[in-house]
Amino acid sequence: MLINIHILIDNQAPNLYDTTVVNTESKRGTMKDLESKQVFDAAVIGAGVSGASIARRLSMYDLKIVLLEKEADVSFGTSKANSGIIHGGFHHETSLLKSRLELQGNLMFDQLHSELHFPFKRCGIIVAAMNVEEMKTVQFLYARGRRNGAIDIELCSRERILDLEPKLTPDVVGGLYAPKGGIIEPYRFVFVLVESALMNGVRLITDFKVTSAEHSKGLYEIADDAGRTVKSRYVINAAGLYADEVSRTFGAEEYTITARKGEYYLLDRMTKACPGKVVFPVPTSVSKGMLVIPTVEGTVLVGPTAEEIPAKDDLSTSSDKLKNIFDSARQMIPKISTSDVITAFAGMRPALPDGDFYIKASSMIPNFIHVAGIQSPGLTAAPAIGEYVKDLLKENGLPLRERKDYIPTVEPVPRLRNKSSYAIDELIGLNPAYGNIVCRCENISEAEIVEAIRRGHHTLDGIKYFTRAGMGRCQGGFCTSKIIEIIMRETSKSFDAITKRGAGSTLLWRSL
């Protein structure tokens, strides 16, 4: 059943989406909320995966929590563009905080998945050695993984590694296998963490770029670039690439976050080079190398590079890196082909000089917690970071009383592309908007677009990350105009108010 909907500029077309949804948008902060001068127990600055995990963990207690994000939506910073890997616990030394939190975080994902239903799969991780010297490094990684407590880690012969991953080159001499490693869709994980936090009373305020802060009588007054203010007893600085700037704004410790850019190529889901497991090369002293990553939704990532750059907002990509990336990837999986590329993108990692996470209470100002330098394996460690910060807050005097009405689960959103034909017929019977396919590449219906909008995602990127509309072979060529029309209808915004990712990314202009 196909329903063609013509949505007019005056927004008078009928709305076919009339089912009841959980509306978390109403819990996003407005000017009216701020004018009430509510005092929060804790303000989390930064709604990436660390800030979202912290906010959700604190929502389990009888606290007033606010989550502040400078972008138009959550997960629009570092968290939106990374490898999406749940790491296996062997890349870093046991002495590092990030290594301990990686192992703890890894073990928390099964319960989180059962509660929040984000895309996640324990497909396993392989490190492929191409010669005897590389095999010596693999043996070192295996010993380190055993010391770290990595579960079921295995040192593999050539025959075993090829049996585990048949798409590897026959030139492989052996490797390492970490079965508890996995893959995840990082933005959907952040979205549902925040949604869970909002369901349990956390307030989210987007477009809030912290520009000043004052401490008086036990309260921080935090102001943004629009002059809005939020008052809070405690502050958690989880601002990613900008954690150093936020720290200086508050008068806390001085440190410098270095932006480390990684460029990726995304391959079409029809590629013949899709491995069943995440494939790492043997790492060097400066990089984990070029990976081949089967994403949890069926495409393949190749990359990333690792380049320190001065500009934290430089997300440009360059074709001159294409050959090096693919030459490296083909050494492991020969069928990797540039003809399968559908897009390229870049992500940033916030690095500190010592390479470790910096999570501790400030010794210079009261009730201020640093959560900085959260680069790889930050996604894996995020749930454990939430626990760690909760404990730090308790040690620093924040009373924690568990809520009796805490809701741990978020109901999954029906996804057309995951349903049988019978289930699809049933969904269309309940809501005809499921019969209108908006994104053909990823098989995304109008109902799913509307659901994203009603959950507070009003930009093209927000809807893309929530639904996958625009992530397929044509990269939005077919569906972008349709999504803009639906946003206009659902929000009553004019076409020139629709943006790709917030301020400064307007898509359409009125001619003079």
Protein backbone atom coordinates (compact mmCIF):
# COMPACT_ATOMS: atom_id res chain seq x y z
CA MET A 1 0.00 0.00 0.00
CA LEU A 2 1.49 3.35 -1.08
CA ILE A 3 0.05 6.67 0.00
CA ASN A 4 1.12 9.77 -1.91
CA ILE A 5 0.95 12.90 0.21
CA HIS A 6 1.30 16.38 -1.26
CA ILE A 7 2.34 18.76 1.52
CA LEU A 8 1.77 22.43 0.71
CA ILE A 9 3.65 25.51 1.89
CA ASP A 10 0.63 26.57 3.97
CA ASN A 11 0.87 23.30 5.96
CA GLN A 12 -2.78 22.41 5.40
CA ALA A 13 -2.20 18.83 4.25
CA PRO A 14 -3.72 16.18 6.52
CA ASN A 15 -1.61 14.57 9.23
CA LEU A 16 -1.93 10.79 8.88
CA TYR A 17 0.16 10.16 11.98
CA ASP A 18 -2.39 10.12 14.76
CA THR A 19 -1.17 7.41 17.11
CA THR A 20 -0.12 8.19 20.69
CA VAL A 21 3.62 8.68 21.14
CA VAL A 22 5.92 9.37 24.06
CA ASN A 23 6.60 13.07 23.63
CA THR A 24 9.93 13.94 25.20
CA GLU A 25 10.06 17.27 23.37
CA SER A 26 7.95 18.84 26.13
CA LYS A 27 10.82 18.19 28.55
CA ARG A 28 13.28 20.23 26.51
CA GLY A 29 14.01 23.60 28.08
CA THR A 30 12.47 26.88 26.89
CA MET A 31 12.90 30.54 27.83
CA LYS A 32 9.88 30.19 30.09
CA ASP A 33 11.57 27.32 31.92
CA LEU A 34 14.69 29.39 32.43
CA GLU A 35 12.82 32.45 33.65
CA SER A 36 11.48 30.38 36.54
CA LYS A 37 15.06 30.42 37.96
CA GLN A 38 14.82 26.82 39.07
CA VAL A 39 17.86 25.66 41.02
CA PHE A 40 19.24 22.33 39.82
CA ASP A 41 21.24 19.88 41.89
CA ALA A 42 23.59 19.22 39.00
CA ALA A 43 24.19 20.64 35.53
CA VAL A 44 25.82 18.37 32.95
CA ILE A 45 27.52 20.38 30.21
CA GLY A 46 27.65 18.43 26.95
CA ALA A 47 25.06 16.00 25.57
CA GLY A 48 27.38 13.57 23.86
CA VAL A 49 27.68 9.96 24.96
CA SER A 50 29.49 10.82 28.21
CA GLY A 51 27.09 13.58 29.24
CA ALA A 52 24.07 11.50 28.22
CA SER A 53 25.30 8.49 30.23
CA ILE A 54 25.93 10.68 33.27
CA ALA A 55 22.52 12.35 33.01
CA ARG A 56 20.73 9.01 32.74
CA ARG A 57 22.64 7.57 35.70
CA LEU A 58 21.80 10.59 37.86
CA SER A 59 18.14 10.40 36.82
CA MET A 60 17.90 7.25 38.95
CA TYR A 61 18.09 9.47 42.06
CA ASP A 62 15.83 12.09 43.59
CA LEU A 63 17.70 14.97 41.99
CA LYS A 64 16.99 17.92 39.73
CA ILE A 65 19.31 17.53 36.74
CA VAL A 66 19.76 19.74 33.68
CA LEU A 67 21.65 18.71 30.55
CA LEU A 68 23.11 21.65 28.61
CA GLU A 69 24.11 21.30 24.95
CA LYS A 70 25.54 24.02 22.70
CA GLU A 71 24.28 22.36 19.50
CA ALA A 72 20.71 22.14 18.20
CA ASP A 73 20.41 18.47 19.20
CA VAL A 74 22.18 15.87 21.27
CA SER A 75 25.04 13.76 19.82
CA PHE A 76 25.93 16.49 17.30
CA GLY A 77 29.54 16.75 18.51
CA THR A 78 32.18 14.04 18.85
CA SER A 79 29.64 11.27 19.44
CA LYS A 80 27.95 11.47 16.05
CA ALA A 81 31.01 10.53 13.98
CA ASN A 82 33.06 7.67 15.34
CA SER A 83 33.73 4.03 14.61
CA GLY A 84 30.75 2.74 16.60
CA ILE A 85 32.84 -0.03 18.17
CA ILE A 86 32.38 -1.62 21.58
CA HIS A 87 36.03 -2.38 22.30
CA GLY A 88 37.38 -5.65 23.66
CA GLY A 89 39.79 -4.53 26.39
CA PHE A 90 43.25 -5.22 24.96
CA HIS A 91 44.43 -1.98 23.31
CA HIS A 92 45.36 -0.04 26.48
CA GLU A 93 47.46 -0.67 29.57
CA THR A 94 45.74 -1.75 32.78
CA SER A 95 47.16 1.25 34.63
CA LEU A 96 45.09 3.70 32.57
CA LEU A 97 41.69 4.82 33.81
CA LYS A 98 40.26 4.46 30.32
CA SER A 99 41.29 0.81 30.21
CA ARG A 100 39.48 0.00 33.45
CA LEU A 101 36.36 1.90 32.40
CA GLU A 102 36.43 0.25 28.96
CA LEU A 103 36.19 -3.22 30.48
CA GLN A 104 33.48 -2.18 32.93
CA GLY A 105 31.51 -0.35 30.26
CA ASN A 106 31.70 -3.26 27.82
CA LEU A 107 30.00 -5.55 30.34
CA MET A 108 27.15 -3.09 30.88
CA PHE A 109 25.88 -3.03 27.29
CA ASP A 110 23.76 -6.19 27.38
CA GLN A 111 21.51 -4.82 30.13
CA LEU A 112 21.43 -1.39 28.54
CA HIS A 113 20.40 -2.95 25.24
CA SER A 114 17.59 -4.91 26.89
CA GLU A 115 16.31 -1.70 28.50
CA LEU A 116 16.81 0.82 25.68
CA HIS A 117 16.68 -1.22 22.43
CA PHE A 118 19.36 0.66 20.51
CA PRO A 119 21.10 -1.09 17.57
CA PHE A 120 23.86 -3.25 19.08
CA LYS A 121 25.58 -6.52 18.23
CA ARG A 122 28.42 -8.48 19.81
CA CYS A 123 29.97 -9.52 16.51
CA GLY A 124 33.50 -9.81 17.92
CA ILE A 125 36.79 -8.07 17.08
CA ILE A 126 39.75 -9.47 15.15
CA VAL A 127 43.32 -8.15 14.95
CA ALA A 128 44.92 -9.53 11.79
CA ALA A 129 48.70 -10.10 11.65
CA MET A 130 50.33 -10.13 8.20
CA ASN A 131 53.83 -11.32 9.16
CA VAL A 132 55.83 -12.87 11.98
CA GLU A 133 56.84 -9.50 13.44
CA GLU A 134 53.21 -8.38 13.63
CA MET A 135 52.34 -11.68 15.29
CA LYS A 136 54.75 -10.77 18.10
CA THR A 137 52.73 -7.60 18.68
CA VAL A 138 49.53 -9.64 18.66
CA GLN A 139 50.99 -11.89 21.37
CA PHE A 140 51.73 -8.75 23.40
CA LEU A 141 48.14 -7.53 22.93
CA TYR A 142 46.83 -10.93 23.99
CA ALA A 143 48.92 -10.85 27.19
CA ARG A 144 47.73 -7.33 27.92
CA GLY A 145 44.11 -8.35 27.35
CA ARG A 146 44.52 -11.23 29.79
CA ARG A 147 45.98 -8.85 32.39
CA ASN A 148 43.08 -6.45 31.83
CA GLY A 149 40.50 -9.19 32.31
CA ALA A 150 39.19 -9.25 28.73
CA ILE A 151 36.68 -12.09 28.57
CA ASP A 152 37.39 -15.11 26.31
CA ILE A 153 40.17 -13.35 24.41
CA GLU A 154 41.90 -15.78 22.06
CA LEU A 155 45.28 -16.03 20.31
CA CYS A 156 44.62 -17.45 16.85
CA SER A 157 46.51 -19.45 14.26
CA ARG A 158 46.14 -18.68 10.54
CA GLU A 159 43.55 -21.44 10.15
CA ARG A 160 41.53 -20.25 13.14
CA ILE A 161 41.52 -16.56 12.10
CA LEU A 162 40.39 -17.44 8.55
CA ASP A 163 37.68 -19.65 9.94
CA LEU A 164 36.46 -16.75 12.11
CA GLU A 165 36.62 -14.26 9.22
CA PRO A 166 36.71 -15.82 5.73
CA LYS A 167 36.97 -12.44 3.99
CA LEU A 168 40.47 -11.90 5.35
CA THR A 169 43.35 -12.20 2.89
CA PRO A 170 44.89 -15.69 2.72
CA ASP A 171 48.22 -13.97 3.44
CA VAL A 172 47.22 -13.50 7.09
CA VAL A 173 49.50 -15.43 9.47
CA GLY A 174 47.36 -15.32 12.62
CA GLY A 175 45.77 -12.88 14.97
CA LEU A 176 43.74 -12.11 18.03
CA TYR A 177 40.02 -12.59 18.63
CA ALA A 178 37.96 -10.75 21.24
CA PRO A 179 34.42 -12.20 21.10
CA LYS A 180 32.94 -9.65 23.52
CA GLY A 181 33.73 -6.79 21.15
CA GLY A 182 30.85 -5.39 19.17
CA ILE A 183 29.24 -2.67 17.10
CA ILE A 184 26.66 -0.03 17.89
CA GLU A 185 24.92 2.92 16.23
CA PRO A 186 26.39 5.68 18.41
CA TYR A 187 23.93 8.50 17.76
CA ARG A 188 20.91 6.27 18.37
CA PHE A 189 22.55 5.20 21.63
CA VAL A 190 22.94 8.83 22.72
CA PHE A 191 19.39 9.69 21.63
CA VAL A 192 17.84 6.90 23.70
CA LEU A 193 20.06 7.61 26.73
CA VAL A 194 18.79 11.19 26.70
CA GLU A 195 15.21 10.07 26.10
CA SER A 196 15.46 7.77 29.13
CA ALA A 197 16.88 10.63 31.20
CA LEU A 198 14.05 12.95 30.09
CA MET A 199 11.44 10.33 31.00
CA ASN A 200 12.91 10.36 34.49
CA GLY A 201 12.83 14.11 35.03
CA VAL A 202 16.08 15.44 33.51
CA ARG A 203 15.71 18.75 31.64
CA LEU A 204 17.48 19.20 28.32
CA ILE A 205 18.36 22.67 27.02
CA THR A 206 19.89 22.82 23.55
CA ASP A 207 21.51 25.79 21.76
CA PHE A 208 23.06 26.65 25.13
CA LYS A 209 26.70 27.59 24.64
CA VAL A 210 28.31 28.30 28.00
CA THR A 211 30.07 31.70 27.97
CA SER A 212 30.36 32.64 31.65
CA ALA A 213 29.92 31.22 35.13
CA GLU A 214 29.89 32.66 38.63
CA HIS A 215 29.88 30.87 41.99
CA SER A 216 28.18 32.41 45.00
CA LYS A 217 26.59 31.02 48.15
CA GLY A 218 26.96 27.42 47.02
CA LEU A 219 25.45 27.96 43.57
CA TYR A 220 26.87 28.26 40.08
CA GLU A 221 25.10 30.67 37.76
CA ILE A 222 25.87 29.52 34.22
CA ALA A 223 25.14 31.88 31.31
CA ASP A 224 24.99 31.22 27.58
CA ASP A 225 25.73 33.46 24.61
CA ALA A 226 22.07 34.56 24.48
CA GLY A 227 22.10 35.79 28.08
CA ARG A 228 20.08 32.90 29.50
CA THR A 229 21.14 31.56 32.89
CA VAL A 230 20.91 28.28 34.76
CA LYS A 231 21.64 27.83 38.46
CA SER A 232 23.10 24.60 39.82
CA ARG A 233 24.84 23.33 42.94
CA TYR A 234 27.16 20.95 41.07
CA VAL A 235 28.59 21.05 37.54
CA ILE A 236 29.87 18.17 35.40
CA ASN A 237 32.05 19.31 32.50
CA ALA A 238 31.52 16.74 29.73
CA ALA A 239 31.97 19.23 26.89
CA GLY A 240 34.13 17.01 24.68
CA LEU A 241 36.40 19.01 22.39
CA TYR A 242 35.58 22.14 24.36
CA ALA A 243 36.06 20.80 27.89
CA ASP A 244 39.27 22.84 28.24
CA GLU A 245 37.43 26.05 27.32
CA VAL A 246 34.59 25.29 29.75
CA SER A 247 37.14 24.60 32.50
CA ARG A 248 38.75 28.00 31.91
CA THR A 249 35.35 29.68 31.89
CA PHE A 250 34.66 28.32 35.39
CA GLY A 251 38.16 29.15 36.66
CA ALA A 252 39.04 25.48 37.14
CA GLU A 253 42.16 23.56 36.07
CA GLU A 254 44.08 24.56 32.94
CA TYR A 255 44.60 21.91 30.27
CA THR A 256 44.51 21.75 26.49
CA ILE A 257 42.32 19.48 24.40
CA THR A 258 43.85 18.64 21.03
CA ALA A 259 41.49 17.85 18.17
CA ARG A 260 42.46 14.62 16.43
CA LYS A 261 40.60 14.25 13.15
CA GLY A 262 39.72 10.89 11.67
CA GLU A 263 38.39 10.53 8.13
CA TYR A 264 36.12 7.63 7.22
CA TYR A 265 34.61 6.20 4.06
CA LEU A 266 31.20 4.56 4.13
CA LEU A 267 30.52 1.64 1.81
CA ASP A 268 27.13 0.61 0.47
CA ARG A 269 25.39 -2.30 2.18
CA MET A 270 25.63 -4.26 -1.10
CA THR A 271 29.44 -4.41 -0.95
CA LYS A 272 30.98 -7.87 -1.20
CA ALA A 273 33.65 -6.82 1.29
CA CYS A 274 31.47 -6.68 4.40
CA PRO A 275 33.18 -8.73 7.14
CA GLY A 276 31.28 -10.50 9.88
CA LYS A 277 33.56 -9.05 12.55
CA VAL A 278 35.36 -5.77 13.22
CA VAL A 279 38.80 -6.12 11.61
CA PHE A 280 41.78 -4.24 13.07
CA PRO A 281 45.30 -4.19 11.68
CA VAL A 282 48.15 -4.61 14.13
CA PRO A 283 48.43 -1.19 15.83
CA THR A 284 51.45 1.10 15.76
CA SER A 285 52.70 3.35 18.54
CA VAL A 286 50.55 6.25 17.29
CA SER A 287 47.42 4.66 15.83
CA LYS A 288 45.15 1.61 15.84
CA GLY A 289 45.40 1.79 12.04
CA MET A 290 42.76 1.60 9.29
CA LEU A 291 39.85 -0.57 10.33
CA VAL A 292 37.18 -2.37 8.35
CA ILE A 293 33.98 -2.16 10.38
CA PRO A 294 30.64 -3.83 9.61
CA THR A 295 28.12 -1.35 10.98
CA VAL A 296 25.19 -2.62 12.97
CA GLU A 297 22.79 -1.45 10.23
CA GLY A 298 24.55 -3.25 7.37
CA THR A 299 26.92 -0.74 5.76
CA VAL A 300 30.72 -0.84 6.12
CA LEU A 301 33.11 1.79 7.50
CA VAL A 302 36.72 2.04 6.37
CA GLY A 303 39.15 4.22 8.35
CA PRO A 304 39.86 6.34 10.29
CA THR A 305 42.93 8.45 9.77
CA ALA A 306 44.46 10.18 12.80
CA GLU A 307 45.59 13.76 12.29
CA GLU A 308 46.05 16.43 14.95
CA ILE A 309 44.66 19.73 13.71
CA PRO A 310 44.37 23.21 15.24
CA ALA A 311 40.74 23.89 14.33
CA LYS A 312 38.23 21.95 16.43
CA ASP A 313 35.45 22.51 13.89
CA ASP A 314 37.35 21.37 10.78
CA LEU A 315 35.33 18.37 9.58
CA SER A 316 36.51 18.57 5.99
CA THR A 317 37.52 15.44 4.10
CA SER A 318 40.14 15.12 1.38
CA SER A 319 40.41 12.77 -1.57
CA ASP A 320 44.20 12.53 -1.20
CA LYS A 321 43.73 10.24 1.81
CA LEU A 322 41.47 7.85 -0.11
CA LYS A 323 44.30 5.80 -1.64
CA ASN A 324 46.17 5.31 1.64
CA ILE A 325 43.01 4.32 3.50
CA PHE A 326 41.97 1.75 0.92
CA ASP A 327 45.47 0.40 0.30
CA SER A 328 45.73 -0.29 4.03
CA ALA A 329 42.26 -1.86 4.24
CA ARG A 330 42.86 -4.09 1.19
CA GLN A 331 45.89 -5.64 2.87
CA MET A 332 43.40 -7.25 5.26
CA ILE A 333 40.29 -7.61 3.08
CA PRO A 334 41.19 -7.65 -0.64
CA LYS A 335 37.60 -7.17 -1.87
CA ILE A 336 37.40 -3.64 -0.44
CA SER A 337 36.57 -1.39 -3.42
CA THR A 338 36.29 2.37 -3.88
CA SER A 339 33.33 1.75 -6.22
CA ASP A 340 31.26 0.88 -3.15
CA VAL A 341 31.86 4.28 -1.49
CA ILE A 342 28.66 6.26 -0.90
CA THR A 343 30.06 9.05 1.27
CA ALA A 344 33.01 10.28 3.31
CA PHE A 345 32.94 12.06 6.65
CA ALA A 346 35.26 13.14 9.43
CA GLY A 347 35.03 12.87 13.19
CA MET A 348 37.01 14.48 15.99
CA ARG A 349 38.57 12.94 19.06
CA PRO A 350 39.35 15.15 22.09
CA ALA A 351 42.86 14.15 23.12
CA LEU A 352 44.90 15.10 26.18
CA PRO A 353 48.72 14.91 26.17
CA ASP A 354 48.90 11.74 28.30
CA GLY A 355 46.23 9.98 26.24
CA ASP A 356 44.15 8.98 29.26
CA PHE A 357 40.71 10.07 30.43
CA TYR A 358 40.67 12.97 32.89
CA ILE A 359 37.77 12.37 35.27
CA LYS A 360 38.13 13.93 38.69
CA ALA A 361 36.82 16.63 41.01
CA SER A 362 38.42 20.03 40.66
CA SER A 363 40.84 21.02 43.40
CA MET A 364 40.51 24.70 42.46
CA ILE A 365 36.76 25.30 42.61
CA PRO A 366 34.02 23.52 44.58
CA ASN A 367 31.56 20.93 43.27
CA PHE A 368 32.99 20.81 39.74
CA ILE A 369 33.76 17.49 38.02
CA HIS A 370 36.01 17.18 34.97
CA VAL A 371 35.08 14.57 32.34
CA ALA A 372 37.67 15.39 29.67
CA GLY A 373 39.88 13.67 27.10
CA ILE A 374 37.18 11.09 26.38
CA GLN A 375 38.51 9.70 23.11
CA SER A 376 38.60 6.02 22.11
CA PRO A 377 37.40 3.87 23.87
CA GLY A 378 35.02 6.55 25.22
CA LEU A 379 31.90 5.09 23.60
CA THR A 380 32.58 1.70 25.19
CA ALA A 381 33.42 3.28 28.55
CA ALA A 382 30.45 5.69 28.62
CA PRO A 383 28.15 3.63 30.90
CA ALA A 384 31.02 3.14 33.34
CA ILE A 385 31.84 6.85 33.14
CA GLY A 386 28.29 7.51 34.35
CA GLU A 387 28.91 5.25 37.35
CA TYR A 388 32.31 6.78 38.05
CA VAL A 389 30.97 10.34 38.00
CA LYS A 390 28.06 9.37 40.22
CA ASP A 391 30.53 8.06 42.78
CA LEU A 392 32.63 11.24 42.54
CA LEU A 393 29.56 13.39 43.15
CA LYS A 394 28.65 11.30 46.18
CA GLU A 395 32.19 11.64 47.56
CA ASN A 396 31.91 15.38 47.07
CA GLY A 397 28.74 15.70 49.11
CA LEU A 398 25.83 15.32 46.66
CA PRO A 399 23.08 13.38 48.49
CA LEU A 400 21.89 10.38 46.48
CA ARG A 401 18.50 8.91 47.30
CA GLU A 402 17.18 6.34 44.85
CA ARG A 403 13.88 7.11 43.18
CA LYS A 404 11.10 4.61 43.67
CA ASP A 405 9.41 5.67 40.43
CA TYR A 406 12.46 5.32 38.17
CA ILE A 407 11.58 3.95 34.72
CA PRO A 408 14.51 1.93 33.30
CA THR A 409 13.04 1.06 29.89
CA VAL A 410 12.27 2.97 26.72
CA GLU A 411 9.89 1.24 24.32
CA PRO A 412 11.43 0.56 20.89
CA VAL A 413 10.27 2.57 17.91
CA PRO A 414 8.77 0.34 15.18
CA ARG A 415 11.23 0.27 12.27
CA LEU A 416 9.70 -0.72 8.95
CA ARG A 417 12.95 -2.11 7.57
CA ASN A 418 13.15 -4.67 10.40
CA LYS A 419 9.60 -6.00 9.97
CA SER A 420 8.13 -8.92 8.03
CA SER A 421 5.53 -8.20 5.35
CA TYR A 422 2.79 -9.34 7.73
CA ALA A 423 4.01 -7.01 10.49
CA ILE A 424 4.19 -4.15 7.98
CA ASP A 425 0.57 -4.72 6.94
CA GLU A 426 -0.39 -4.64 10.60
CA LEU A 427 1.48 -1.35 11.18
CA ILE A 428 -0.17 0.25 8.12
CA GLY A 429 -3.56 -0.87 9.41
CA LEU A 430 -2.89 0.96 12.68
CA ASN A 431 -1.27 3.98 11.03
CA PRO A 432 -1.44 4.54 7.24
CA ALA A 433 1.67 6.76 7.35
CA TYR A 434 3.75 3.57 7.56
CA GLY A 435 2.67 2.96 3.95
CA ASN A 436 4.34 6.13 2.68
CA ILE A 437 8.03 5.39 2.06
CA VAL A 438 10.01 8.61 2.41
CA CYS A 439 13.55 7.18 2.17
CA ARG A 440 13.78 4.40 -0.41
CA CYS A 441 17.43 3.51 0.20
CA GLU A 442 16.89 2.74 3.90
CA ASN A 443 13.15 1.92 3.69
CA ILE A 444 12.05 4.64 6.13
CA SER A 445 8.37 5.56 6.34
CA GLU A 446 6.64 8.84 7.00
CA ALA A 447 5.49 7.51 10.37
CA GLU A 448 9.10 7.10 11.49
CA ILE A 449 9.98 10.63 10.35
CA VAL A 450 7.04 12.04 12.30
CA GLU A 451 8.04 10.02 15.36
CA ALA A 452 11.50 11.59 15.25
CA ILE A 453 10.00 15.08 15.01
CA ARG A 454 7.61 14.46 17.89
CA ARG A 455 10.53 13.33 20.01
CA GLY A 456 12.18 16.71 19.49
CA HIS A 457 14.43 16.21 16.44
CA HIS A 458 13.66 19.13 14.12
CA THR A 459 16.80 19.29 11.95
CA LEU A 460 17.64 17.16 8.95
CA ASP A 461 20.63 15.66 10.74
CA GLY A 462 18.61 14.95 13.87
CA ILE A 463 16.02 13.09 11.83
CA LYS A 464 18.74 11.30 9.85
CA TYR A 465 20.43 10.03 13.02
CA PHE A 466 17.12 9.00 14.61
CA THR A 467 15.68 7.20 11.56
CA ARG A 468 18.56 6.66 9.07
CA ALA A 469 16.65 8.58 6.40
CA GLY A 470 19.29 10.03 4.08
CA MET A 471 22.02 7.56 5.04
CA GLY A 472 21.66 5.25 2.07
CA ARG A 473 23.11 5.07 -1.43
CA CYS A 474 21.64 8.36 -2.68
CA GLN A 475 22.59 10.25 0.53
CA GLY A 476 19.29 12.10 0.75
CA GLY A 477 18.88 12.90 -2.93
CA PHE A 478 15.40 11.37 -2.96
CA CYS A 479 14.09 12.06 0.53
CA THR A 480 15.44 15.45 1.64
CA SER A 481 12.65 17.55 0.14
CA LYS A 482 10.03 15.16 1.51
CA ILE A 483 11.51 15.36 5.02
CA ILE A 484 11.56 19.17 4.87
CA GLU A 485 7.86 19.16 3.95
CA ILE A 486 7.03 16.86 6.86
CA ILE A 487 9.00 19.03 9.31
CA MET A 488 7.07 22.08 8.07
CA ARG A 489 3.76 20.32 8.53
CA GLU A 490 4.51 18.92 11.97
CA THR A 491 6.19 22.02 13.46
CA SER A 492 4.49 24.85 11.52
CA LYS A 493 7.94 26.17 10.64
CA SER A 494 8.41 27.97 7.33
CA PHE A 495 10.71 26.37 4.76
CA ASP A 496 13.48 28.92 5.39
CA ALA A 497 13.51 28.03 9.11
CA ILE A 498 14.50 24.40 8.46
CA THR A 499 18.19 23.68 9.04
CA LYS A 500 20.57 20.81 8.49
CA ARG A 501 22.03 20.88 11.99
CA GLY A 502 20.98 24.14 13.67
CA ALA A 503 22.16 27.73 13.46
CA GLY A 504 24.26 28.53 10.41
CA SER A 505 23.04 25.57 8.34
CA THR A 506 19.85 26.91 6.74
CA LEU A 507 18.88 24.90 3.66
CA LEU A 508 16.47 27.16 1.77
CA TRP A 509 16.21 30.95 1.44
CA ARG A 510 13.50 33.29 0.26
CA SER A 511 14.44 35.17 -2.90
CA LEU A 512 14.27 38.97 -2.65
